[in-house]
Amino acid sequence: MKKLKISIVFLLLISTFLQAQDKAQGVPPAVAEKDLTAYLFVYFIGNKVEEEAVNYAVSQDGYHYYSLNGNKPVIDSKAISSTGGVRDPHILRGEDGKTFYMVLTDMTSSKGWDSNRAMVLLKSTDLVNWKSSIVNIQTTFPGNENLKRVWAPQTIYDTKAGKYMIYFSMQHAGGPDKIYYAYANKDFTALEGEPKLLYVPKSGNACIDGDIIEKDGVYHLFYKTETNTPGIKSATATDLTSGKWIENDNYLQQTKESVEGSSIFKLNNSDEYILMYDVYKKGQYQFTKSTDLENFTVIDNEISMDFKPRHGTILPITRSELKKNNRKMGNACSIS
């Protein structure tokens, strides 16, 4: 397990961003929505080994994003992964309001799309210092000798189980990609038990890049289906692990281009949601907006970014969380 610190350049950029923030209260034990005034975008940028890493960007309004650290990695992939690269970062605020969880695909694409068997788990209390663990599914759980790949893990708190559930897609030789789940242990360093099937479409075709959000007691699972017409679809359930998902047949992407890595987040102090996805063959991202998680409108003309992200996620944050990072400016970059 390693403890990581982001470079001083990143902290200086945070300081600059803080100057534009309105005055806000400190972080309470559980963060109220009214205290969320900004957004943190975590992403990677490409298929070169040096691009398969965690990058940060920030926004005040959820529409205009600015990269931090010169759009360079804020965490050393080689220090946290078994392959030397990480992809598909997903970040979550914990139930206590002050602990953060990040999960990553442990992979370098240069070794092939069927080359990875592991994921990376990260835990932090300040978004700067992270403790990391590697979970190799194939070597940890028997019966996975023919496992080909483990992709795009994400985390959600299962209120019924009282645990953090990590879900991800896996493909075994001769079969399609399916979405599985397992609960993380208390320290968020390993999985409590072997992965179980979470979701597979009625078609039986491959599905990847699962992303779950809860609204009004209903869990909405967004995913990419790999049918003859690949695209983003959704399914709903009132119990995360019951297997009783109601599949929505409609495609949700608002483009004819190839897409992947969809992610949805709620705008601060609003009833609106943004569904974004990676238009990966074009090197672009598309943003859409909805209030019901079923009907989405393109808002690309309202979005600006000074970087080109790949498959990432967005976390609402408070001004004081950025201020805490600013206080760490005297620390040198180190790994211990």
C-alpha atoms as a PDB file:
ATOM      1  CA  MET A   1       0.000   0.000   0.000  1.00  0.00           C
ATOM      2  CA  LYS A   2       1.350   3.401  -0.935  1.00  0.00           C
ATOM      3  CA  LYS A   3       0.561   6.954   0.155  1.00  0.00           C
ATOM      4  CA  LEU A   4       0.610   9.448  -2.696  1.00  0.00           C
ATOM      5  CA  LYS A   5       0.891  13.232  -2.861  1.00  0.00           C
ATOM      6  CA  ILE A   6       0.008  15.428  -5.821  1.00  0.00           C
ATOM      7  CA  SER A   7       2.588  17.912  -7.114  1.00  0.00           C
ATOM      8  CA  ILE A   8       2.937  21.459  -5.815  1.00  0.00           C
ATOM      9  CA  VAL A   9       1.964  22.720  -9.275  1.00  0.00           C
ATOM     10  CA  PHE A  10      -1.476  21.197  -8.824  1.00  0.00           C
ATOM     11  CA  LEU A  11      -1.826  22.906  -5.450  1.00  0.00           C
ATOM     12  CA  LEU A  12      -0.819  26.276  -6.865  1.00  0.00           C
ATOM     13  CA  LEU A  13      -3.460  25.927  -9.547  1.00  0.00           C
ATOM     14  CA  ILE A  14      -6.028  25.114  -6.891  1.00  0.00           C
ATOM     15  CA  SER A  15      -5.060  28.358  -5.146  1.00  0.00           C
ATOM     16  CA  THR A  16      -5.809  30.285  -8.327  1.00  0.00           C
ATOM     17  CA  PHE A  17      -9.162  28.582  -8.698  1.00  0.00           C
ATOM     18  CA  LEU A  18     -10.078  29.416  -5.094  1.00  0.00           C
ATOM     19  CA  GLN A  19      -9.921  33.110  -5.758  1.00  0.00           C
ATOM     20  CA  ALA A  20     -12.987  32.797  -7.977  1.00  0.00           C
ATOM     21  CA  GLN A  21     -15.058  30.934  -5.406  1.00  0.00           C
ATOM     22  CA  ASP A  22     -17.778  32.524  -3.241  1.00  0.00           C
ATOM     23  CA  LYS A  23     -17.453  32.393   0.528  1.00  0.00           C
ATOM     24  CA  ALA A  24     -18.837  29.136   1.926  1.00  0.00           C
ATOM     25  CA  GLN A  25     -19.056  27.227   5.179  1.00  0.00           C
ATOM     26  CA  GLY A  26     -16.623  24.486   6.188  1.00  0.00           C
ATOM     27  CA  VAL A  27     -17.271  20.845   5.453  1.00  0.00           C
ATOM     28  CA  PRO A  28     -19.696  19.262   7.927  1.00  0.00           C
ATOM     29  CA  PRO A  29     -19.481  15.539   8.772  1.00  0.00           C
ATOM     30  CA  ALA A  30     -22.013  14.884   6.006  1.00  0.00           C
ATOM     31  CA  VAL A  31     -21.955  17.465   3.235  1.00  0.00           C
ATOM     32  CA  ALA A  32     -25.221  19.275   2.519  1.00  0.00           C
ATOM     33  CA  GLU A  33     -26.006  19.998  -1.106  1.00  0.00           C
ATOM     34  CA  LYS A  34     -26.035  23.742  -0.440  1.00  0.00           C
ATOM     35  CA  ASP A  35     -22.318  23.493   0.446  1.00  0.00           C
ATOM     36  CA  LEU A  36     -21.428  21.967  -2.914  1.00  0.00           C
ATOM     37  CA  THR A  37     -20.233  24.871  -5.056  1.00  0.00           C
ATOM     38  CA  ALA A  38     -17.867  23.338  -7.600  1.00  0.00           C
ATOM     39  CA  TYR A  39     -16.961  20.159  -9.483  1.00  0.00           C
ATOM     40  CA  LEU A  40     -13.913  17.924  -9.807  1.00  0.00           C
ATOM     41  CA  PHE A  41     -13.503  16.047 -13.100  1.00  0.00           C
ATOM     42  CA  VAL A  42     -11.220  12.988 -12.987  1.00  0.00           C
ATOM     43  CA  TYR A  43     -10.211  11.474 -16.330  1.00  0.00           C
ATOM     44  CA  PHE A  44      -7.375  10.077 -18.446  1.00  0.00           C
ATOM     45  CA  ILE A  45      -6.348  11.426 -21.838  1.00  0.00           C
ATOM     46  CA  GLY A  46      -5.236   8.716 -24.272  1.00  0.00           C
ATOM     47  CA  ASN A  47      -3.862   5.307 -25.184  1.00  0.00           C
ATOM     48  CA  LYS A  48      -0.165   6.050 -24.800  1.00  0.00           C
ATOM     49  CA  VAL A  49       1.310   4.694 -21.566  1.00  0.00           C
ATOM     50  CA  GLU A  50       2.094   8.192 -20.304  1.00  0.00           C
ATOM     51  CA  GLU A  51      -1.531   9.202 -20.999  1.00  0.00           C
ATOM     52  CA  GLU A  52      -3.076   6.322 -19.043  1.00  0.00           C
ATOM     53  CA  ALA A  53      -3.153   8.090 -15.693  1.00  0.00           C
ATOM     54  CA  VAL A  54      -5.402  10.158 -13.415  1.00  0.00           C
ATOM     55  CA  ASN A  55      -5.865  13.795 -14.416  1.00  0.00           C
ATOM     56  CA  TYR A  56      -7.847  16.506 -12.631  1.00  0.00           C
ATOM     57  CA  ALA A  57      -9.968  19.430 -13.865  1.00  0.00           C
ATOM     58  CA  VAL A  58     -12.320  21.772 -12.018  1.00  0.00           C
ATOM     59  CA  SER A  59     -15.449  23.765 -12.766  1.00  0.00           C
ATOM     60  CA  GLN A  60     -17.510  26.314 -10.865  1.00  0.00           C
ATOM     61  CA  ASP A  61     -20.765  25.645 -12.706  1.00  0.00           C
ATOM     62  CA  GLY A  62     -20.588  22.154 -14.215  1.00  0.00           C
ATOM     63  CA  TYR A  63     -20.312  23.585 -17.726  1.00  0.00           C
ATOM     64  CA  HIS A  64     -16.859  25.179 -17.996  1.00  0.00           C
ATOM     65  CA  TYR A  65     -13.857  23.028 -17.026  1.00  0.00           C
ATOM     66  CA  TYR A  66     -10.196  23.883 -16.548  1.00  0.00           C
ATOM     67  CA  SER A  67      -7.440  21.294 -16.280  1.00  0.00           C
ATOM     68  CA  LEU A  68      -5.102  21.273 -13.288  1.00  0.00           C
ATOM     69  CA  ASN A  69      -1.377  20.566 -13.252  1.00  0.00           C
ATOM     70  CA  GLY A  70      -1.057  21.546 -16.911  1.00  0.00           C
ATOM     71  CA  ASN A  71      -3.280  18.603 -17.892  1.00  0.00           C
ATOM     72  CA  LYS A  72      -0.582  16.258 -16.625  1.00  0.00           C
ATOM     73  CA  PRO A  73      -1.178  13.296 -14.284  1.00  0.00           C
ATOM     74  CA  VAL A  74      -1.721  14.071 -10.612  1.00  0.00           C
ATOM     75  CA  ILE A  75      -0.959  10.489  -9.532  1.00  0.00           C
ATOM     76  CA  ASP A  76       1.911   8.305 -10.716  1.00  0.00           C
ATOM     77  CA  SER A  77       0.335   5.298 -12.467  1.00  0.00           C
ATOM     78  CA  LYS A  78       3.457   3.185 -12.008  1.00  0.00           C
ATOM     79  CA  ALA A  79       3.247   3.659  -8.236  1.00  0.00           C
ATOM     80  CA  ILE A  80      -0.311   2.362  -7.918  1.00  0.00           C
ATOM     81  CA  SER A  81      -0.834  -0.199 -10.718  1.00  0.00           C
ATOM     82  CA  SER A  82       0.444  -3.621 -11.718  1.00  0.00           C
ATOM     83  CA  THR A  83       0.556  -2.770 -15.435  1.00  0.00           C
ATOM     84  CA  GLY A  84       2.074   0.700 -15.283  1.00  0.00           C
ATOM     85  CA  GLY A  85      -1.101   2.428 -16.448  1.00  0.00           C
ATOM     86  CA  VAL A  86      -4.642   3.182 -15.287  1.00  0.00           C
ATOM     87  CA  ARG A  87      -7.815   4.102 -17.152  1.00  0.00           C
ATOM     88  CA  ASP A  88     -11.490   4.928 -16.546  1.00  0.00           C
ATOM     89  CA  PRO A  89     -11.229   6.716 -13.156  1.00  0.00           C
ATOM     90  CA  HIS A  90     -14.409   6.809 -11.071  1.00  0.00           C
ATOM     91  CA  ILE A  91     -14.589   8.948  -7.929  1.00  0.00           C
ATOM     92  CA  LEU A  92     -17.170   8.829  -5.127  1.00  0.00           C
ATOM     93  CA  ARG A  93     -17.749  10.794  -1.940  1.00  0.00           C
ATOM     94  CA  GLY A  94     -18.282   8.481   1.023  1.00  0.00           C
ATOM     95  CA  GLU A  95     -21.316   8.436   3.273  1.00  0.00           C
ATOM     96  CA  ASP A  96     -19.425  10.341   5.978  1.00  0.00           C
ATOM     97  CA  GLY A  97     -19.054  13.254   3.580  1.00  0.00           C
ATOM     98  CA  LYS A  98     -15.294  13.496   4.002  1.00  0.00           C
ATOM     99  CA  THR A  99     -13.827  10.244   2.664  1.00  0.00           C
ATOM    100  CA  PHE A 100     -13.304   9.760  -1.051  1.00  0.00           C
ATOM    101  CA  TYR A 101     -13.037   6.540  -3.017  1.00  0.00           C
ATOM    102  CA  MET A 102     -11.552   6.134  -6.490  1.00  0.00           C
ATOM    103  CA  VAL A 103     -11.393   2.964  -8.576  1.00  0.00           C
ATOM    104  CA  LEU A 104      -9.472   2.463 -11.816  1.00  0.00           C
ATOM    105  CA  THR A 105      -8.908  -0.050 -14.584  1.00  0.00           C
ATOM    106  CA  ASP A 106      -5.369  -1.402 -14.094  1.00  0.00           C
ATOM    107  CA  MET A 107      -4.349  -1.480 -17.729  1.00  0.00           C
ATOM    108  CA  THR A 108      -2.108  -0.248 -20.513  1.00  0.00           C
ATOM    109  CA  SER A 109      -3.806  -0.583 -23.887  1.00  0.00           C
ATOM    110  CA  SER A 110      -0.464  -1.108 -25.639  1.00  0.00           C
ATOM    111  CA  LYS A 111      -0.487  -4.637 -24.197  1.00  0.00           C
ATOM    112  CA  GLY A 112      -3.859  -5.392 -25.814  1.00  0.00           C
ATOM    113  CA  TRP A 113      -7.525  -5.067 -24.924  1.00  0.00           C
ATOM    114  CA  ASP A 114      -7.542  -8.506 -23.303  1.00  0.00           C
ATOM    115  CA  SER A 115      -4.426  -7.921 -21.230  1.00  0.00           C
ATOM    116  CA  ASN A 116      -5.659  -6.853 -17.790  1.00  0.00           C
ATOM    117  CA  ARG A 117      -7.018  -8.828 -14.836  1.00  0.00           C
ATOM    118  CA  ALA A 118      -6.917  -6.213 -12.092  1.00  0.00           C
ATOM    119  CA  MET A 119      -8.334  -2.962 -10.761  1.00  0.00           C
ATOM    120  CA  VAL A 120      -6.909  -0.293  -8.466  1.00  0.00           C
ATOM    121  CA  LEU A 121      -8.660   0.902  -5.285  1.00  0.00           C
ATOM    122  CA  LEU A 122      -7.824   4.326  -3.828  1.00  0.00           C
ATOM    123  CA  LYS A 123      -8.959   6.029  -0.623  1.00  0.00           C
ATOM    124  CA  SER A 124      -8.433   9.621   0.543  1.00  0.00           C
ATOM    125  CA  THR A 125      -9.710  12.194   3.021  1.00  0.00           C
ATOM    126  CA  ASP A 126      -8.489  15.282   1.150  1.00  0.00           C
ATOM    127  CA  LEU A 127      -8.388  14.440  -2.591  1.00  0.00           C
ATOM    128  CA  VAL A 128      -4.607  14.918  -2.488  1.00  0.00           C
ATOM    129  CA  ASN A 129      -3.147  12.058  -0.432  1.00  0.00           C
ATOM    130  CA  TRP A 130      -4.288   8.632  -1.585  1.00  0.00           C
ATOM    131  CA  LYS A 131      -3.753   5.120  -0.260  1.00  0.00           C
ATOM    132  CA  SER A 132      -3.819   2.496  -2.977  1.00  0.00           C
ATOM    133  CA  SER A 133      -4.392  -1.242  -3.338  1.00  0.00           C
ATOM    134  CA  ILE A 134      -4.405  -3.591  -6.320  1.00  0.00           C
ATOM    135  CA  VAL A 135      -7.083  -6.271  -6.674  1.00  0.00           C
ATOM    136  CA  ASN A 136      -6.248  -8.957  -9.228  1.00  0.00           C
ATOM    137  CA  ILE A 137      -9.452 -10.912  -9.855  1.00  0.00           C
ATOM    138  CA  GLN A 138      -7.746 -13.826 -11.574  1.00  0.00           C
ATOM    139  CA  THR A 139      -5.185 -14.531  -8.851  1.00  0.00           C
ATOM    140  CA  THR A 140      -7.497 -13.729  -5.930  1.00  0.00           C
ATOM    141  CA  PHE A 141     -10.562 -15.773  -6.816  1.00  0.00           C
ATOM    142  CA  PRO A 142     -10.419 -19.400  -8.087  1.00  0.00           C
ATOM    143  CA  GLY A 143     -12.281 -20.286 -11.260  1.00  0.00           C
ATOM    144  CA  ASN A 144     -11.062 -17.303 -13.265  1.00  0.00           C
ATOM    145  CA  GLU A 145      -8.290 -19.036 -15.153  1.00  0.00           C
ATOM    146  CA  ASN A 146      -9.887 -18.057 -18.493  1.00  0.00           C
ATOM    147  CA  LEU A 147     -10.570 -14.441 -17.475  1.00  0.00           C
ATOM    148  CA  LYS A 148      -9.591 -12.094 -20.306  1.00  0.00           C
ATOM    149  CA  ARG A 149     -10.224  -8.596 -18.944  1.00  0.00           C
ATOM    150  CA  VAL A 150     -11.570  -6.478 -16.078  1.00  0.00           C
ATOM    151  CA  TRP A 151     -12.845  -3.070 -17.141  1.00  0.00           C
ATOM    152  CA  ALA A 152     -14.165   0.245 -15.793  1.00  0.00           C
ATOM    153  CA  PRO A 153     -14.845  -0.367 -12.073  1.00  0.00           C
ATOM    154  CA  GLN A 154     -17.136   2.022 -10.216  1.00  0.00           C
ATOM    155  CA  THR A 155     -18.315   2.327  -6.617  1.00  0.00           C
ATOM    156  CA  ILE A 156     -21.701   3.001  -5.034  1.00  0.00           C
ATOM    157  CA  TYR A 157     -22.854   2.796  -1.426  1.00  0.00           C
ATOM    158  CA  ASP A 158     -25.446   0.036  -1.002  1.00  0.00           C
ATOM    159  CA  THR A 159     -27.693   1.369   1.776  1.00  0.00           C
ATOM    160  CA  LYS A 160     -29.377  -2.010   2.229  1.00  0.00           C
ATOM    161  CA  ALA A 161     -26.086  -3.822   2.788  1.00  0.00           C
ATOM    162  CA  GLY A 162     -24.413  -0.887   4.523  1.00  0.00           C
ATOM    163  CA  LYS A 163     -21.314  -1.402   2.369  1.00  0.00           C
ATOM    164  CA  TYR A 164     -19.525   0.039  -0.636  1.00  0.00           C
ATOM    165  CA  MET A 165     -20.252  -1.995  -3.731  1.00  0.00           C
ATOM    166  CA  ILE A 166     -17.749  -2.064  -6.583  1.00  0.00           C
ATOM    167  CA  TYR A 167     -19.151  -3.034  -9.972  1.00  0.00           C
ATOM    168  CA  PHE A 168     -17.246  -3.634 -13.195  1.00  0.00           C
ATOM    169  CA  SER A 169     -17.384  -5.576 -16.437  1.00  0.00           C
ATOM    170  CA  MET A 170     -15.504  -8.832 -16.983  1.00  0.00           C
ATOM    171  CA  GLN A 171     -15.090 -11.091 -19.961  1.00  0.00           C
ATOM    172  CA  HIS A 172     -14.142 -14.744 -19.842  1.00  0.00           C
ATOM    173  CA  ALA A 173     -12.954 -16.659 -22.890  1.00  0.00           C
ATOM    174  CA  GLY A 174     -15.837 -17.664 -25.153  1.00  0.00           C
ATOM    175  CA  GLY A 175     -18.350 -15.326 -23.546  1.00  0.00           C
ATOM    176  CA  PRO A 176     -19.485 -11.685 -23.668  1.00  0.00           C
ATOM    177  CA  ASP A 177     -18.569  -8.896 -21.269  1.00  0.00           C
ATOM    178  CA  LYS A 178     -20.954  -8.863 -18.299  1.00  0.00           C
ATOM    179  CA  ILE A 179     -21.297  -6.497 -15.353  1.00  0.00           C
ATOM    180  CA  TYR A 180     -20.372  -8.009 -11.989  1.00  0.00           C
ATOM    181  CA  TYR A 181     -20.216  -6.678  -8.433  1.00  0.00           C
ATOM    182  CA  ALA A 182     -18.507  -7.335  -5.121  1.00  0.00           C
ATOM    183  CA  TYR A 183     -18.426  -5.486  -1.803  1.00  0.00           C
ATOM    184  CA  ALA A 184     -15.262  -3.750  -0.691  1.00  0.00           C
ATOM    185  CA  ASN A 185     -13.827  -4.534   2.724  1.00  0.00           C
ATOM    186  CA  LYS A 186     -13.971  -1.967   5.534  1.00  0.00           C
ATOM    187  CA  ASP A 187     -10.570  -0.478   4.677  1.00  0.00           C
ATOM    188  CA  PHE A 188     -11.336  -0.321   0.948  1.00  0.00           C
ATOM    189  CA  THR A 189      -8.245  -2.362   0.177  1.00  0.00           C
ATOM    190  CA  ALA A 190      -9.801  -5.589  -1.151  1.00  0.00           C
ATOM    191  CA  LEU A 191     -13.041  -7.326  -2.088  1.00  0.00           C
ATOM    192  CA  GLU A 192     -14.929  -9.252   0.609  1.00  0.00           C
ATOM    193  CA  GLY A 193     -15.943 -12.061  -1.710  1.00  0.00           C
ATOM    194  CA  GLU A 194     -15.836 -13.294  -5.275  1.00  0.00           C
ATOM    195  CA  PRO A 195     -17.627 -11.210  -7.935  1.00  0.00           C
ATOM    196  CA  LYS A 196     -21.283 -11.966  -8.622  1.00  0.00           C
ATOM    197  CA  LEU A 197     -23.321 -11.156 -11.696  1.00  0.00           C
ATOM    198  CA  LEU A 198     -25.023  -7.773 -11.462  1.00  0.00           C
ATOM    199  CA  TYR A 199     -26.473  -7.252 -14.922  1.00  0.00           C
ATOM    200  CA  VAL A 200     -26.572  -8.647 -18.440  1.00  0.00           C
ATOM    201  CA  PRO A 201     -28.991  -7.365 -21.141  1.00  0.00           C
ATOM    202  CA  LYS A 202     -31.881  -9.481 -22.349  1.00  0.00           C
ATOM    203  CA  SER A 203     -30.049  -9.828 -25.667  1.00  0.00           C
ATOM    204  CA  GLY A 204     -27.208 -11.641 -23.944  1.00  0.00           C
ATOM    205  CA  ASN A 205     -24.742  -9.426 -25.770  1.00  0.00           C
ATOM    206  CA  ALA A 206     -21.789  -7.762 -24.129  1.00  0.00           C
ATOM    207  CA  CYS A 207     -22.296  -4.776 -21.848  1.00  0.00           C
ATOM    208  CA  ILE A 208     -19.566  -2.576 -20.382  1.00  0.00           C
ATOM    209  CA  ASP A 209     -18.982   0.785 -18.667  1.00  0.00           C
ATOM    210  CA  GLY A 210     -21.744   0.514 -16.060  1.00  0.00           C
ATOM    211  CA  ASP A 211     -22.624   3.717 -14.184  1.00  0.00           C
ATOM    212  CA  ILE A 212     -25.279   3.786 -11.434  1.00  0.00           C
ATOM    213  CA  ILE A 213     -27.085   6.736  -9.865  1.00  0.00           C
ATOM    214  CA  GLU A 214     -29.988   6.713  -7.402  1.00  0.00           C
ATOM    215  CA  LYS A 215     -32.998   9.003  -7.825  1.00  0.00           C
ATOM    216  CA  ASP A 216     -36.153   8.891  -5.713  1.00  0.00           C
ATOM    217  CA  GLY A 217     -35.438   5.382  -4.442  1.00  0.00           C
ATOM    218  CA  VAL A 218     -34.740   3.960  -7.911  1.00  0.00           C
ATOM    219  CA  TYR A 219     -31.302   2.932  -9.151  1.00  0.00           C
ATOM    220  CA  HIS A 220     -30.566   3.866 -12.762  1.00  0.00           C
ATOM    221  CA  LEU A 221     -27.860   1.809 -14.463  1.00  0.00           C
ATOM    222  CA  PHE A 222     -26.361   3.351 -17.587  1.00  0.00           C
ATOM    223  CA  TYR A 223     -24.165   1.097 -19.723  1.00  0.00           C
ATOM    224  CA  LYS A 224     -22.810   0.537 -23.207  1.00  0.00           C
ATOM    225  CA  THR A 225     -24.395  -2.352 -25.042  1.00  0.00           C
ATOM    226  CA  GLU A 226     -22.357  -4.164 -27.675  1.00  0.00           C
ATOM    227  CA  THR A 227     -25.161  -5.344 -29.960  1.00  0.00           C
ATOM    228  CA  ASN A 228     -25.108  -4.936 -33.724  1.00  0.00           C
ATOM    229  CA  THR A 229     -25.914  -1.304 -32.930  1.00  0.00           C
ATOM    230  CA  PRO A 230     -23.654  -0.391 -30.000  1.00  0.00           C
ATOM    231  CA  GLY A 231     -24.712   2.488 -27.791  1.00  0.00           C
ATOM    232  CA  ILE A 232     -25.775   3.680 -24.358  1.00  0.00           C
ATOM    233  CA  LYS A 233     -28.838   2.199 -22.711  1.00  0.00           C
ATOM    234  CA  SER A 234     -30.220   2.094 -19.187  1.00  0.00           C
ATOM    235  CA  ALA A 235     -32.011  -0.203 -16.763  1.00  0.00           C
ATOM    236  CA  THR A 236     -33.707   0.472 -13.429  1.00  0.00           C
ATOM    237  CA  ALA A 237     -34.184  -1.398 -10.163  1.00  0.00           C
ATOM    238  CA  THR A 238     -35.190  -0.640  -6.572  1.00  0.00           C
ATOM    239  CA  ASP A 239     -32.677  -3.126  -5.150  1.00  0.00           C
ATOM    240  CA  LEU A 240     -29.087  -3.074  -6.379  1.00  0.00           C
ATOM    241  CA  THR A 241     -28.380  -6.784  -6.176  1.00  0.00           C
ATOM    242  CA  SER A 242     -31.824  -8.351  -6.679  1.00  0.00           C
ATOM    243  CA  GLY A 243     -31.241  -8.935 -10.374  1.00  0.00           C
ATOM    244  CA  LYS A 244     -34.678  -7.432 -11.075  1.00  0.00           C
ATOM    245  CA  TRP A 245     -33.581  -4.796 -13.543  1.00  0.00           C
ATOM    246  CA  ILE A 246     -36.144  -3.282 -15.936  1.00  0.00           C
ATOM    247  CA  GLU A 247     -34.380  -2.731 -19.224  1.00  0.00           C
ATOM    248  CA  ASN A 248     -34.997   0.412 -21.258  1.00  0.00           C
ATOM    249  CA  ASP A 249     -34.844  -0.361 -24.973  1.00  0.00           C
ATOM    250  CA  ASN A 250     -34.108   3.215 -26.028  1.00  0.00           C
ATOM    251  CA  TYR A 251     -30.631   4.404 -26.951  1.00  0.00           C
ATOM    252  CA  LEU A 252     -29.677   7.472 -24.947  1.00  0.00           C
ATOM    253  CA  GLN A 253     -26.701   8.877 -26.867  1.00  0.00           C
ATOM    254  CA  GLN A 254     -27.564  11.885 -29.021  1.00  0.00           C
ATOM    255  CA  THR A 255     -25.044  11.164 -31.768  1.00  0.00           C
ATOM    256  CA  LYS A 256     -24.487   8.630 -34.519  1.00  0.00           C
ATOM    257  CA  GLU A 257     -20.801   8.428 -33.648  1.00  0.00           C
ATOM    258  CA  SER A 258     -19.317   5.599 -31.552  1.00  0.00           C
ATOM    259  CA  VAL A 259     -19.552   6.254 -27.804  1.00  0.00           C
ATOM    260  CA  GLU A 260     -18.440   4.676 -24.542  1.00  0.00           C
ATOM    261  CA  GLY A 261     -17.728   5.538 -20.919  1.00  0.00           C
ATOM    262  CA  SER A 262     -20.989   7.267 -20.048  1.00  0.00           C
ATOM    263  CA  SER A 263     -21.212   9.018 -16.674  1.00  0.00           C
ATOM    264  CA  ILE A 264     -24.081  10.875 -15.070  1.00  0.00           C
ATOM    265  CA  PHE A 265     -24.031  13.439 -12.265  1.00  0.00           C
ATOM    266  CA  LYS A 266     -26.502  15.808 -10.638  1.00  0.00           C
ATOM    267  CA  LEU A 267     -25.936  19.523 -10.970  1.00  0.00           C
ATOM    268  CA  ASN A 268     -25.444  21.225  -7.604  1.00  0.00           C
ATOM    269  CA  ASN A 269     -28.590  22.680  -6.059  1.00  0.00           C
ATOM    270  CA  SER A 270     -30.652  21.730  -9.094  1.00  0.00           C
ATOM    271  CA  ASP A 271     -33.080  19.059 -10.263  1.00  0.00           C
ATOM    272  CA  GLU A 272     -31.115  18.650 -13.503  1.00  0.00           C
ATOM    273  CA  TYR A 273     -28.679  15.888 -14.382  1.00  0.00           C
ATOM    274  CA  ILE A 274     -25.894  15.778 -16.940  1.00  0.00           C
ATOM    275  CA  LEU A 275     -25.131  12.576 -18.857  1.00  0.00           C
ATOM    276  CA  MET A 276     -21.774  12.784 -20.593  1.00  0.00           C
ATOM    277  CA  TYR A 277     -19.970  10.214 -22.694  1.00  0.00           C
ATOM    278  CA  ASP A 278     -16.767   9.674 -24.597  1.00  0.00           C
ATOM    279  CA  VAL A 279     -17.116  10.031 -28.384  1.00  0.00           C
ATOM    280  CA  TYR A 280     -13.836   8.179 -28.532  1.00  0.00           C
ATOM    281  CA  LYS A 281     -13.253   7.825 -32.259  1.00  0.00           C
ATOM    282  CA  LYS A 282     -13.579  11.585 -32.688  1.00  0.00           C
ATOM    283  CA  GLY A 283     -11.544  12.573 -29.639  1.00  0.00           C
ATOM    284  CA  GLN A 284     -14.569  14.425 -28.281  1.00  0.00           C
ATOM    285  CA  TYR A 285     -16.990  14.399 -25.361  1.00  0.00           C
ATOM    286  CA  GLN A 286     -20.726  15.000 -25.563  1.00  0.00           C
ATOM    287  CA  PHE A 287     -22.789  16.468 -22.727  1.00  0.00           C
ATOM    288  CA  THR A 288     -26.562  16.054 -22.461  1.00  0.00           C
ATOM    289  CA  LYS A 289     -29.055  17.214 -19.828  1.00  0.00           C
ATOM    290  CA  SER A 290     -32.191  15.700 -18.290  1.00  0.00           C
ATOM    291  CA  THR A 291     -34.559  16.013 -15.341  1.00  0.00           C
ATOM    292  CA  ASP A 292     -36.076  12.508 -15.572  1.00  0.00           C
ATOM    293  CA  LEU A 293     -33.015  10.407 -16.562  1.00  0.00           C
ATOM    294  CA  GLU A 294     -34.923   9.211 -19.605  1.00  0.00           C
ATOM    295  CA  ASN A 295     -35.033  12.129 -22.033  1.00  0.00           C
ATOM    296  CA  PHE A 296     -31.762  13.923 -22.788  1.00  0.00           C
ATOM    297  CA  THR A 297     -30.990  17.118 -24.685  1.00  0.00           C
ATOM    298  CA  VAL A 298     -27.567  17.955 -26.128  1.00  0.00           C
ATOM    299  CA  ILE A 299     -25.903  20.947 -24.448  1.00  0.00           C
ATOM    300  CA  ASP A 300     -22.531  20.845 -26.201  1.00  0.00           C
ATOM    301  CA  ASN A 301     -22.741  24.529 -27.111  1.00  0.00           C
ATOM    302  CA  GLU A 302     -22.844  25.363 -23.382  1.00  0.00           C
ATOM    303  CA  ILE A 303     -19.761  23.280 -22.500  1.00  0.00           C
ATOM    304  CA  SER A 304     -16.110  24.303 -22.621  1.00  0.00           C
ATOM    305  CA  MET A 305     -12.936  22.411 -21.668  1.00  0.00           C
ATOM    306  CA  ASP A 306      -9.267  23.278 -22.188  1.00  0.00           C
ATOM    307  CA  PHE A 307      -8.412  19.568 -22.459  1.00  0.00           C
ATOM    308  CA  LYS A 308      -9.691  16.437 -24.207  1.00  0.00           C
ATOM    309  CA  PRO A 309     -10.761  13.842 -21.637  1.00  0.00           C
ATOM    310  CA  ARG A 310     -11.260  10.135 -22.010  1.00  0.00           C
ATOM    311  CA  HIS A 311     -13.743   8.101 -19.914  1.00  0.00           C
ATOM    312  CA  GLY A 312     -13.946   9.976 -16.630  1.00  0.00           C
ATOM    313  CA  THR A 313     -16.358  11.012 -13.873  1.00  0.00           C
ATOM    314  CA  ILE A 314     -17.360  14.217 -12.107  1.00  0.00           C
ATOM    315  CA  LEU A 315     -17.643  14.800  -8.352  1.00  0.00           C
ATOM    316  CA  PRO A 316     -19.419  17.789  -6.759  1.00  0.00           C
ATOM    317  CA  ILE A 317     -17.060  19.428  -4.244  1.00  0.00           C
ATOM    318  CA  THR A 318     -17.010  22.295  -1.741  1.00  0.00           C
ATOM    319  CA  ARG A 319     -14.889  25.413  -1.632  1.00  0.00           C
ATOM    320  CA  SER A 320     -13.385  24.373   1.698  1.00  0.00           C
ATOM    321  CA  GLU A 321     -12.171  21.075   0.238  1.00  0.00           C
ATOM    322  CA  LEU A 322     -10.152  23.041  -2.287  1.00  0.00           C
ATOM    323  CA  LYS A 323      -8.991  25.363   0.507  1.00  0.00           C
ATOM    324  CA  LYS A 324      -7.643  22.388   2.485  1.00  0.00           C
ATOM    325  CA  ASN A 325      -5.533  21.459  -0.524  1.00  0.00           C
ATOM    326  CA  ASN A 326      -4.260  25.022  -0.700  1.00  0.00           C
ATOM    327  CA  ARG A 327      -2.933  24.752   2.874  1.00  0.00           C
ATOM    328  CA  LYS A 328      -0.706  21.869   1.743  1.00  0.00           C
ATOM    329  CA  MET A 329       1.317  24.039  -0.630  1.00  0.00           C
ATOM    330  CA  GLY A 330       4.414  23.723   1.532  1.00  0.00           C
ATOM    331  CA  ASN A 331       4.583  19.945   1.051  1.00  0.00           C
ATOM    332  CA  ALA A 332       6.931  18.506  -1.547  1.00  0.00           C
ATOM    333  CA  CYS A 333       5.788  15.844  -3.992  1.00  0.00           C
ATOM    334  CA  SER A 334       6.554  12.430  -2.521  1.00  0.00           C
ATOM    335  CA  ILE A 335       5.476   8.808  -2.413  1.00  0.00           C
ATOM    336  CA  SER A 336       5.776   6.743   0.730  1.00  0.00           C
END
